Amino acid sequence: MSGSRSVSSQSVRIWFKPFPLPLQHNTCNIMLKNRNKNKVKLE
């Protein structure tokens, strides 16, 4: 699980390199919010 997570985080970093930092930051926050919503649904 942790291995796949580290790989995905690396690919996300490479994917967002062309974008300005504010856009990258906002997108990460949106992804975290969606992840938290999914966790709440699962629980």
PDB file of N, CA and C in Angstrom:
ATOM      1  N   MET A   1       0.843  -1.196   0.000  1.00  0.00           N
ATOM      2  CA  MET A   1       0.000   0.000   0.000  1.00  0.00           C
ATOM      3  C   MET A   1       0.879   1.247   0.000  1.00  0.00           C
ATOM      4  N   SER A   2       1.843   1.303   0.929  1.00  0.00           N
ATOM      5  CA  SER A   2       2.703   2.489   1.003  1.00  0.00           C
ATOM      6  C   SER A   2       3.544   2.600  -0.269  1.00  0.00           C
ATOM      7  N   GLY A   3       3.949   1.459  -0.836  1.00  0.00           N
ATOM      8  CA  GLY A   3       4.756   1.505  -2.055  1.00  0.00           C
ATOM      9  C   GLY A   3       3.998   2.150  -3.198  1.00  0.00           C
ATOM     10  N   SER A   4       2.745   1.722  -3.415  1.00  0.00           N
ATOM     11  CA  SER A   4       1.949   2.300  -4.500  1.00  0.00           C
ATOM     12  C   SER A   4       1.699   3.777  -4.242  1.00  0.00           C
ATOM     13  N   ARG A   5       1.541   4.148  -2.971  1.00  0.00           N
ATOM     14  CA  ARG A   5       1.262   5.546  -2.650  1.00  0.00           C
ATOM     15  C   ARG A   5       2.484   6.401  -3.005  1.00  0.00           C
ATOM     16  N   SER A   6       3.707   5.905  -2.695  1.00  0.00           N
ATOM     17  CA  SER A   6       4.910   6.687  -2.988  1.00  0.00           C
ATOM     18  C   SER A   6       5.076   6.835  -4.499  1.00  0.00           C
ATOM     19  N   VAL A   7       4.778   5.779  -5.256  1.00  0.00           N
ATOM     20  CA  VAL A   7       4.899   5.846  -6.710  1.00  0.00           C
ATOM     21  C   VAL A   7       3.929   6.880  -7.266  1.00  0.00           C
ATOM     22  N   SER A   8       2.696   6.871  -6.766  1.00  0.00           N
ATOM     23  CA  SER A   8       1.699   7.813  -7.273  1.00  0.00           C
ATOM     24  C   SER A   8       2.095   9.237  -6.921  1.00  0.00           C
ATOM     25  N   SER A   9       2.656   9.454  -5.725  1.00  0.00           N
ATOM     26  CA  SER A   9       3.060  10.807  -5.335  1.00  0.00           C
ATOM     27  C   SER A   9       4.194  11.287  -6.232  1.00  0.00           C
ATOM     28  N   GLN A  10       5.110  10.391  -6.609  1.00  0.00           N
ATOM     29  CA  GLN A  10       6.199  10.777  -7.512  1.00  0.00           C
ATOM     30  C   GLN A  10       5.639  11.161  -8.873  1.00  0.00           C
ATOM     31  N   SER A  11       4.714  10.374  -9.406  1.00  0.00           N
ATOM     32  CA  SER A  11       4.142  10.678 -10.718  1.00  0.00           C
ATOM     33  C   SER A  11       3.363  11.981 -10.664  1.00  0.00           C
ATOM     34  N   VAL A  12       2.669  12.237  -9.540  1.00  0.00           N
ATOM     35  CA  VAL A  12       1.926  13.490  -9.401  1.00  0.00           C
ATOM     36  C   VAL A  12       2.895  14.657  -9.417  1.00  0.00           C
ATOM     37  N   ARG A  13       4.034  14.522  -8.739  1.00  0.00           N
ATOM     38  CA  ARG A  13       5.021  15.604  -8.711  1.00  0.00           C
ATOM     39  C   ARG A  13       5.515  15.888 -10.128  1.00  0.00           C
ATOM     40  N   ILE A  14       5.816  14.837 -10.887  1.00  0.00           N
ATOM     41  CA  ILE A  14       6.292  15.018 -12.263  1.00  0.00           C
ATOM     42  C   ILE A  14       5.184  15.636 -13.108  1.00  0.00           C
ATOM     43  N   TRP A  15       3.946  15.194 -12.907  1.00  0.00           N
ATOM     44  CA  TRP A  15       2.825  15.666 -13.717  1.00  0.00           C
ATOM     45  C   TRP A  15       2.589  17.148 -13.507  1.00  0.00           C
ATOM     46  N   PHE A  16       2.753  17.620 -12.256  1.00  0.00           N
ATOM     47  CA  PHE A  16       2.418  19.011 -11.943  1.00  0.00           C
ATOM     48  C   PHE A  16       3.593  19.963 -12.158  1.00  0.00           C
ATOM     49  N   LYS A  17       4.762  19.459 -12.526  1.00  0.00           N
ATOM     50  CA  LYS A  17       5.923  20.346 -12.672  1.00  0.00           C
ATOM     51  C   LYS A  17       5.661  21.516 -13.620  1.00  0.00           C
ATOM     52  N   PRO A  18       4.990  21.329 -14.775  1.00  0.00           N
ATOM     53  CA  PRO A  18       4.778  22.472 -15.674  1.00  0.00           C
ATOM     54  C   PRO A  18       3.817  23.515 -15.109  1.00  0.00           C
ATOM     55  N   PHE A  19       3.004  23.146 -14.129  1.00  0.00           N
ATOM     56  CA  PHE A  19       1.997  24.078 -13.624  1.00  0.00           C
ATOM     57  C   PHE A  19       2.605  25.014 -12.581  1.00  0.00           C
ATOM     58  N   PRO A  20       2.065  26.222 -12.433  1.00  0.00           N
ATOM     59  CA  PRO A  20       2.517  27.122 -11.369  1.00  0.00           C
ATOM     60  C   PRO A  20       2.193  26.539  -9.998  1.00  0.00           C
ATOM     61  N   LEU A  21       2.962  26.932  -8.994  1.00  0.00           N
ATOM     62  CA  LEU A  21       2.792  26.350  -7.654  1.00  0.00           C
ATOM     63  C   LEU A  21       1.400  26.570  -7.079  1.00  0.00           C
ATOM     64  N   PRO A  22       0.781  27.751  -7.212  1.00  0.00           N
ATOM     65  CA  PRO A  22      -0.565  27.923  -6.635  1.00  0.00           C
ATOM     66  C   PRO A  22      -1.567  26.913  -7.186  1.00  0.00           C
ATOM     67  N   LEU A  23      -1.521  26.655  -8.485  1.00  0.00           N
ATOM     68  CA  LEU A  23      -2.454  25.692  -9.075  1.00  0.00           C
ATOM     69  C   LEU A  23      -2.187  24.297  -8.517  1.00  0.00           C
ATOM     70  N   GLN A  24      -0.901  23.943  -8.411  1.00  0.00           N
ATOM     71  CA  GLN A  24      -0.547  22.637  -7.852  1.00  0.00           C
ATOM     72  C   GLN A  24      -1.054  22.517  -6.416  1.00  0.00           C
ATOM     73  N   HIS A  25      -0.895  23.583  -5.635  1.00  0.00           N
ATOM     74  CA  HIS A  25      -1.319  23.556  -4.230  1.00  0.00           C
ATOM     75  C   HIS A  25      -2.835  23.387  -4.132  1.00  0.00           C
ATOM     76  N   ASN A  26      -3.582  24.140  -4.938  1.00  0.00           N
ATOM     77  CA  ASN A  26      -5.045  24.056  -4.894  1.00  0.00           C
ATOM     78  C   ASN A  26      -5.509  22.661  -5.312  1.00  0.00           C
ATOM     79  N   THR A  27      -4.888  22.103  -6.347  1.00  0.00           N
ATOM     80  CA  THR A  27      -5.295  20.778  -6.807  1.00  0.00           C
ATOM     81  C   THR A  27      -5.027  19.733  -5.729  1.00  0.00           C
ATOM     82  N   CYS A  28      -3.895  19.849  -5.050  1.00  0.00           N
ATOM     83  CA  CYS A  28      -3.586  18.897  -3.974  1.00  0.00           C
ATOM     84  C   CYS A  28      -4.624  19.008  -2.858  1.00  0.00           C
ATOM     85  N   ASN A  29      -5.013  20.230  -2.518  1.00  0.00           N
ATOM     86  CA  ASN A  29      -6.018  20.410  -1.467  1.00  0.00           C
ATOM     87  C   ASN A  29      -7.334  19.768  -1.887  1.00  0.00           C
ATOM     88  N   ILE A  30      -7.728  19.943  -3.151  1.00  0.00           N
ATOM     89  CA  ILE A  30      -8.982  19.349  -3.636  1.00  0.00           C
ATOM     90  C   ILE A  30      -8.895  17.828  -3.548  1.00  0.00           C
ATOM     91  N   MET A  31      -7.743  17.264  -3.951  1.00  0.00           N
ATOM     92  CA  MET A  31      -7.586  15.814  -3.903  1.00  0.00           C
ATOM     93  C   MET A  31      -7.672  15.324  -2.462  1.00  0.00           C
ATOM     94  N   LEU A  32      -7.049  16.067  -1.530  1.00  0.00           N
ATOM     95  CA  LEU A  32      -7.101  15.655  -0.122  1.00  0.00           C
ATOM     96  C   LEU A  32      -8.525  15.725   0.404  1.00  0.00           C
ATOM     97  N   LYS A  33      -9.265  16.776   0.034  1.00  0.00           N
ATOM     98  CA  LYS A  33     -10.645  16.897   0.500  1.00  0.00           C
ATOM     99  C   LYS A  33     -11.484  15.731  -0.019  1.00  0.00           C
ATOM    100  N   ASN A  34     -11.319  15.393  -1.310  1.00  0.00           N
ATOM    101  CA  ASN A  34     -12.081  14.277  -1.869  1.00  0.00           C
ATOM    102  C   ASN A  34     -11.701  12.975  -1.167  1.00  0.00           C
ATOM    103  N   ARG A  35     -10.417  12.820  -0.860  1.00  0.00           N
ATOM    104  CA  ARG A  35      -9.968  11.596  -0.193  1.00  0.00           C
ATOM    105  C   ARG A  35     -10.607  11.507   1.191  1.00  0.00           C
ATOM    106  N   ASN A  36     -10.665  12.644   1.904  1.00  0.00           N
ATOM    107  CA  ASN A  36     -11.284  12.639   3.232  1.00  0.00           C
ATOM    108  C   ASN A  36     -12.763  12.282   3.128  1.00  0.00           C
ATOM    109  N   LYS A  37     -13.451  12.808   2.113  1.00  0.00           N
ATOM    110  CA  LYS A  37     -14.871  12.475   1.930  1.00  0.00           C
ATOM    111  C   LYS A  37     -15.039  10.977   1.717  1.00  0.00           C
ATOM    112  N   ASN A  38     -14.153  10.394   0.882  1.00  0.00           N
ATOM    113  CA  ASN A  38     -14.250   8.960   0.631  1.00  0.00           C
ATOM    114  C   ASN A  38     -14.007   8.172   1.912  1.00  0.00           C
ATOM    115  N   LYS A  39     -13.056   8.631   2.729  1.00  0.00           N
ATOM    116  CA  LYS A  39     -12.792   7.931   3.995  1.00  0.00           C
ATOM    117  C   LYS A  39     -14.034   7.963   4.876  1.00  0.00           C
ATOM    118  N   VAL A  40     -14.692   9.106   4.952  1.00  0.00           N
ATOM    119  CA  VAL A  40     -15.891   9.219   5.789  1.00  0.00           C
ATOM    120  C   VAL A  40     -16.966   8.268   5.277  1.00  0.00           C
ATOM    121  N   LYS A  41     -17.129   8.188   3.947  1.00  0.00           N
ATOM    122  CA  LYS A  41     -18.152   7.291   3.398  1.00  0.00           C
ATOM    123  C   LYS A  41     -17.838   5.840   3.758  1.00  0.00           C
ATOM    124  N   LEU A  42     -16.541   5.462   3.644  1.00  0.00           N
ATOM    125  CA  LEU A  42     -16.180   4.084   3.945  1.00  0.00           C
ATOM    126  C   LEU A  42     -16.437   3.771   5.411  1.00  0.00           C
ATOM    127  N   GLU A  43     -16.121   4.714   6.294  1.00  0.00           N
ATOM    128  CA  GLU A  43     -16.331   4.458   7.722  1.00  0.00           C
ATOM    129  C   GLU A  43     -17.823   4.487   8.032  1.00  0.00           C
TER     130      GLU A  43
END
